[in-house]
Amino acid sequence: MGDIVSRYEKASKLSSWDFKQLFGVKKETFDAMVTILKAAYAAKHKRRGRHTKLSLEDQTIFNSKIQQAISHLKRTLIRV
């Protein structure tokens, strides 16, 4: 089946400007967010628990896209 490349691995190759346009944060901010999430995830699942199917990086990407969509909807509704 070939190698599966995560969205984050593809996104990390983007320029800083393109990355910020897509996800709404700078690469450095995104990496800081992932570092905090990894620490929280490790603390929560210290003993056991189910592992995620998506990496924390990909989860953070999806979360940022959802937040952008919500912000866009709010701005659209305010104009109406």
Foldseek 3Di string as FASTA:
>chain_A
DDDDDAPVNVLVPDDQVVSCVLQVDGPVVLVVVLVVVVVVVCVVQVPHDDDDPHRSSNVSSVVSNVVVVVVVVVVVVVVD
